[in-house]
């Protein structure tokens, strides 16, 4: 299953396996998160 989440809340990005940051319509960075957090562990 693939889920695409778009958010302005950077705390939620910690649960993703791949984090793509976009600025002014351009990809700024792509990061693989080898240890994504569980939703219960995220404080937002």
PDB file of N, CA and C in Angstrom:
ATOM      1  N   UNK A   1       0.845  -1.162   0.000  1.00  0.00           N
ATOM      2  CA  UNK A   1       0.000   0.000   0.000  1.00  0.00           C
ATOM      3  C   UNK A   1       0.896   1.233   0.000  1.00  0.00           C
ATOM      4  N   UNK A   2       0.498   2.192  -0.766  1.00  0.00           N
ATOM      5  CA  UNK A   2       1.209   3.468  -0.817  1.00  0.00           C
ATOM      6  C   UNK A   2       0.263   4.572  -0.356  1.00  0.00           C
ATOM      7  N   UNK A   3       0.763   5.415   0.532  1.00  0.00           N
ATOM      8  CA  UNK A   3      -0.001   6.567   1.002  1.00  0.00           C
ATOM      9  C   UNK A   3       0.839   7.806   0.726  1.00  0.00           C
ATOM     10  N   UNK A   4       0.243   8.781   0.085  1.00  0.00           N
ATOM     11  CA  UNK A   4       0.916  10.055  -0.155  1.00  0.00           C
ATOM     12  C   UNK A   4       0.258  11.083   0.748  1.00  0.00           C
ATOM     13  N   UNK A   5       1.072  11.704   1.596  1.00  0.00           N
ATOM     14  CA  UNK A   5       0.543  12.707   2.520  1.00  0.00           C
ATOM     15  C   UNK A   5       1.255  14.029   2.238  1.00  0.00           C
ATOM     16  N   UNK A   6       0.482  15.063   2.076  1.00  0.00           N
ATOM     17  CA  UNK A   6       1.028  16.399   1.874  1.00  0.00           C
ATOM     18  C   UNK A   6       0.635  17.220   3.084  1.00  0.00           C
ATOM     19  N   UNK A   7       1.638  17.813   3.757  1.00  0.00           N
ATOM     20  CA  UNK A   7       1.357  18.539   4.988  1.00  0.00           C
ATOM     21  C   UNK A   7       2.344  19.686   5.170  1.00  0.00           C
ATOM     22  N   UNK A   8       1.926  20.656   5.943  1.00  0.00           N
ATOM     23  CA  UNK A   8       2.821  21.734   6.374  1.00  0.00           C
ATOM     24  C   UNK A   8       3.355  21.440   7.771  1.00  0.00           C
ATOM     25  N   UNK A   9       2.875  20.365   8.391  1.00  0.00           N
ATOM     26  CA  UNK A   9       3.293  19.989   9.743  1.00  0.00           C
ATOM     27  C   UNK A   9       4.493  19.049   9.640  1.00  0.00           C
ATOM     28  N   UNK A  10       5.692  19.563   9.858  1.00  0.00           N
ATOM     29  CA  UNK A  10       6.903  18.762   9.696  1.00  0.00           C
ATOM     30  C   UNK A  10       7.010  17.628  10.712  1.00  0.00           C
ATOM     31  N   UNK A  11       6.305  17.711  11.829  1.00  0.00           N
ATOM     32  CA  UNK A  11       6.333  16.619  12.812  1.00  0.00           C
ATOM     33  C   UNK A  11       5.738  15.343  12.218  1.00  0.00           C
ATOM     34  N   UNK A  12       4.755  15.473  11.358  1.00  0.00           N
ATOM     35  CA  UNK A  12       4.129  14.307  10.742  1.00  0.00           C
ATOM     36  C   UNK A  12       5.033  13.631   9.721  1.00  0.00           C
ATOM     37  N   UNK A  13       5.984  14.350   9.177  1.00  0.00           N
ATOM     38  CA  UNK A  13       6.889  13.775   8.184  1.00  0.00           C
ATOM     39  C   UNK A  13       7.743  12.655   8.773  1.00  0.00           C
ATOM     40  N   UNK A  14       7.955  12.645  10.075  1.00  0.00           N
ATOM     41  CA  UNK A  14       8.796  11.629  10.708  1.00  0.00           C
ATOM     42  C   UNK A  14       8.220  10.223  10.612  1.00  0.00           C
ATOM     43  N   UNK A  15       6.957  10.086  10.240  1.00  0.00           N
ATOM     44  CA  UNK A  15       6.399   8.740  10.118  1.00  0.00           C
ATOM     45  C   UNK A  15       6.473   8.218   8.684  1.00  0.00           C
ATOM     46  N   UNK A  16       6.976   9.010   7.769  1.00  0.00           N
ATOM     47  CA  UNK A  16       7.099   8.586   6.378  1.00  0.00           C
ATOM     48  C   UNK A  16       8.392   7.842   6.110  1.00  0.00           C
ATOM     49  N   UNK A  17       8.345   6.948   5.128  1.00  0.00           N
ATOM     50  CA  UNK A  17       9.551   6.225   4.723  1.00  0.00           C
ATOM     51  C   UNK A  17      10.397   7.047   3.768  1.00  0.00           C
ATOM     52  N   UNK A  18       9.742   7.887   2.976  1.00  0.00           N
ATOM     53  CA  UNK A  18      10.459   8.774   2.070  1.00  0.00           C
ATOM     54  C   UNK A  18       9.865  10.164   2.245  1.00  0.00           C
ATOM     55  N   UNK A  19      10.729  11.146   2.465  1.00  0.00           N
ATOM     56  CA  UNK A  19      10.286  12.517   2.705  1.00  0.00           C
ATOM     57  C   UNK A  19      10.811  13.388   1.566  1.00  0.00           C
ATOM     58  N   UNK A  20       9.889  13.976   0.836  1.00  0.00           N
ATOM     59  CA  UNK A  20      10.245  14.858  -0.273  1.00  0.00           C
ATOM     60  C   UNK A  20       9.826  16.266   0.111  1.00  0.00           C
ATOM     61  N   UNK A  21      10.779  17.163   0.190  1.00  0.00           N
ATOM     62  CA  UNK A  21      10.487  18.553   0.557  1.00  0.00           C
ATOM     63  C   UNK A  21      10.431  19.391  -0.723  1.00  0.00           C
ATOM     64  N   UNK A  22       9.385  20.201  -0.814  1.00  0.00           N
ATOM     65  CA  UNK A  22       9.154  21.036  -1.987  1.00  0.00           C
ATOM     66  C   UNK A  22       9.150  22.497  -1.545  1.00  0.00           C
ATOM     67  N   UNK A  23       9.829  23.336  -2.308  1.00  0.00           N
ATOM     68  CA  UNK A  23       9.861  24.767  -2.012  1.00  0.00           C
ATOM     69  C   UNK A  23       9.678  25.525  -3.328  1.00  0.00           C
ATOM     70  N   UNK A  24       8.718  26.402  -3.356  1.00  0.00           N
ATOM     71  CA  UNK A  24       8.407  27.206  -4.540  1.00  0.00           C
ATOM     72  C   UNK A  24       8.165  26.327  -5.765  1.00  0.00           C
ATOM     73  N   UNK A  25       7.510  25.189  -5.569  1.00  0.00           N
ATOM     74  CA  UNK A  25       7.161  24.305  -6.671  1.00  0.00           C
ATOM     75  C   UNK A  25       8.287  23.422  -7.173  1.00  0.00           C
ATOM     76  N   UNK A  26       9.443  23.471  -6.520  1.00  0.00           N
ATOM     77  CA  UNK A  26      10.596  22.677  -6.934  1.00  0.00           C
ATOM     78  C   UNK A  26      10.989  21.712  -5.820  1.00  0.00           C
ATOM     79  N   UNK A  27      11.426  20.512  -6.185  1.00  0.00           N
ATOM     80  CA  UNK A  27      11.891  19.551  -5.183  1.00  0.00           C
ATOM     81  C   UNK A  27      13.185  20.076  -4.586  1.00  0.00           C
ATOM     82  N   UNK A  28      13.164  20.247  -3.264  1.00  0.00           N
ATOM     83  CA  UNK A  28      14.327  20.774  -2.551  1.00  0.00           C
ATOM     84  C   UNK A  28      15.213  19.648  -2.034  1.00  0.00           C
ATOM     85  N   UNK A  29      14.587  18.546  -1.557  1.00  0.00           N
ATOM     86  CA  UNK A  29      15.368  17.414  -1.057  1.00  0.00           C
ATOM     87  C   UNK A  29      14.509  16.157  -1.037  1.00  0.00           C
ATOM     88  N   UNK A  30      15.191  15.013  -1.090  1.00  0.00           N
ATOM     89  CA  UNK A  30      14.553  13.705  -0.963  1.00  0.00           C
ATOM     90  C   UNK A  30      15.340  12.945   0.085  1.00  0.00           C
ATOM     91  N   UNK A  31      14.656  12.449   1.103  1.00  0.00           N
ATOM     92  CA  UNK A  31      15.324  11.766   2.217  1.00  0.00           C
ATOM     93  C   UNK A  31      14.630  10.426   2.470  1.00  0.00           C
ATOM     94  N   UNK A  32      15.405   9.368   2.588  1.00  0.00           N
ATOM     95  CA  UNK A  32      14.871   8.078   2.996  1.00  0.00           C
ATOM     96  C   UNK A  32      14.973   7.991   4.505  1.00  0.00           C
ATOM     97  N   UNK A  33      13.861   7.713   5.158  1.00  0.00           N
ATOM     98  CA  UNK A  33      13.809   7.609   6.610  1.00  0.00           C
ATOM     99  C   UNK A  33      13.847   6.125   6.972  1.00  0.00           C
ATOM    100  N   UNK A  34      14.992   5.632   7.408  1.00  0.00           N
ATOM    101  CA  UNK A  34      15.158   4.210   7.706  1.00  0.00           C
ATOM    102  C   UNK A  34      14.435   3.783   8.971  1.00  0.00           C
ATOM    103  N   UNK A  35      14.081   4.728   9.830  1.00  0.00           N
ATOM    104  CA  UNK A  35      13.404   4.416  11.089  1.00  0.00           C
ATOM    105  C   UNK A  35      12.178   5.319  11.267  1.00  0.00           C
ATOM    106  N   UNK A  36      11.135   5.103  10.458  1.00  0.00           N
ATOM    107  CA  UNK A  36       9.940   5.937  10.608  1.00  0.00           C
ATOM    108  C   UNK A  36       9.284   5.743  11.970  1.00  0.00           C
ATOM    109  N   UNK A  37       8.754   6.812  12.525  1.00  0.00           N
ATOM    110  CA  UNK A  37       8.104   6.751  13.833  1.00  0.00           C
ATOM    111  C   UNK A  37       6.669   6.248  13.695  1.00  0.00           C
ATOM    112  N   UNK A  38       6.193   5.612  14.729  1.00  0.00           N
ATOM    113  CA  UNK A  38       4.780   5.240  14.810  1.00  0.00           C
ATOM    114  C   UNK A  38       3.970   6.494  15.120  1.00  0.00           C
ATOM    115  N   UNK A  39       2.741   6.503  14.695  1.00  0.00           N
ATOM    116  CA  UNK A  39       1.880   7.666  14.914  1.00  0.00           C
ATOM    117  C   UNK A  39       1.726   7.979  16.406  1.00  0.00           C
ATOM    118  N   UNK A  40       1.778   6.941  17.243  1.00  0.00           N
ATOM    119  CA  UNK A  40       1.642   7.152  18.696  1.00  0.00           C
ATOM    120  C   UNK A  40       2.834   7.895  19.282  1.00  0.00           C
ATOM    121  N   UNK A  41       3.988   7.850  18.599  1.00  0.00           N
ATOM    122  CA  UNK A  41       5.212   8.458  19.126  1.00  0.00           C
ATOM    123  C   UNK A  41       5.423   9.895  18.658  1.00  0.00           C
ATOM    124  N   UNK A  42       4.544  10.388  17.816  1.00  0.00           N
ATOM    125  CA  UNK A  42       4.723  11.733  17.261  1.00  0.00           C
ATOM    126  C   UNK A  42       3.982  12.746  18.126  1.00  0.00           C
ATOM    127  N   UNK A  43       4.706  13.808  18.492  1.00  0.00           N
ATOM    128  CA  UNK A  43       4.113  14.904  19.263  1.00  0.00           C
ATOM    129  C   UNK A  43       3.927  16.095  18.319  1.00  0.00           C
ATOM    130  N   UNK A  44       2.691  16.506  18.169  1.00  0.00           N
ATOM    131  CA  UNK A  44       2.408  17.639  17.305  1.00  0.00           C
ATOM    132  C   UNK A  44       1.359  18.538  17.863  1.00  0.00           C
TER     133      UNK A  44
END
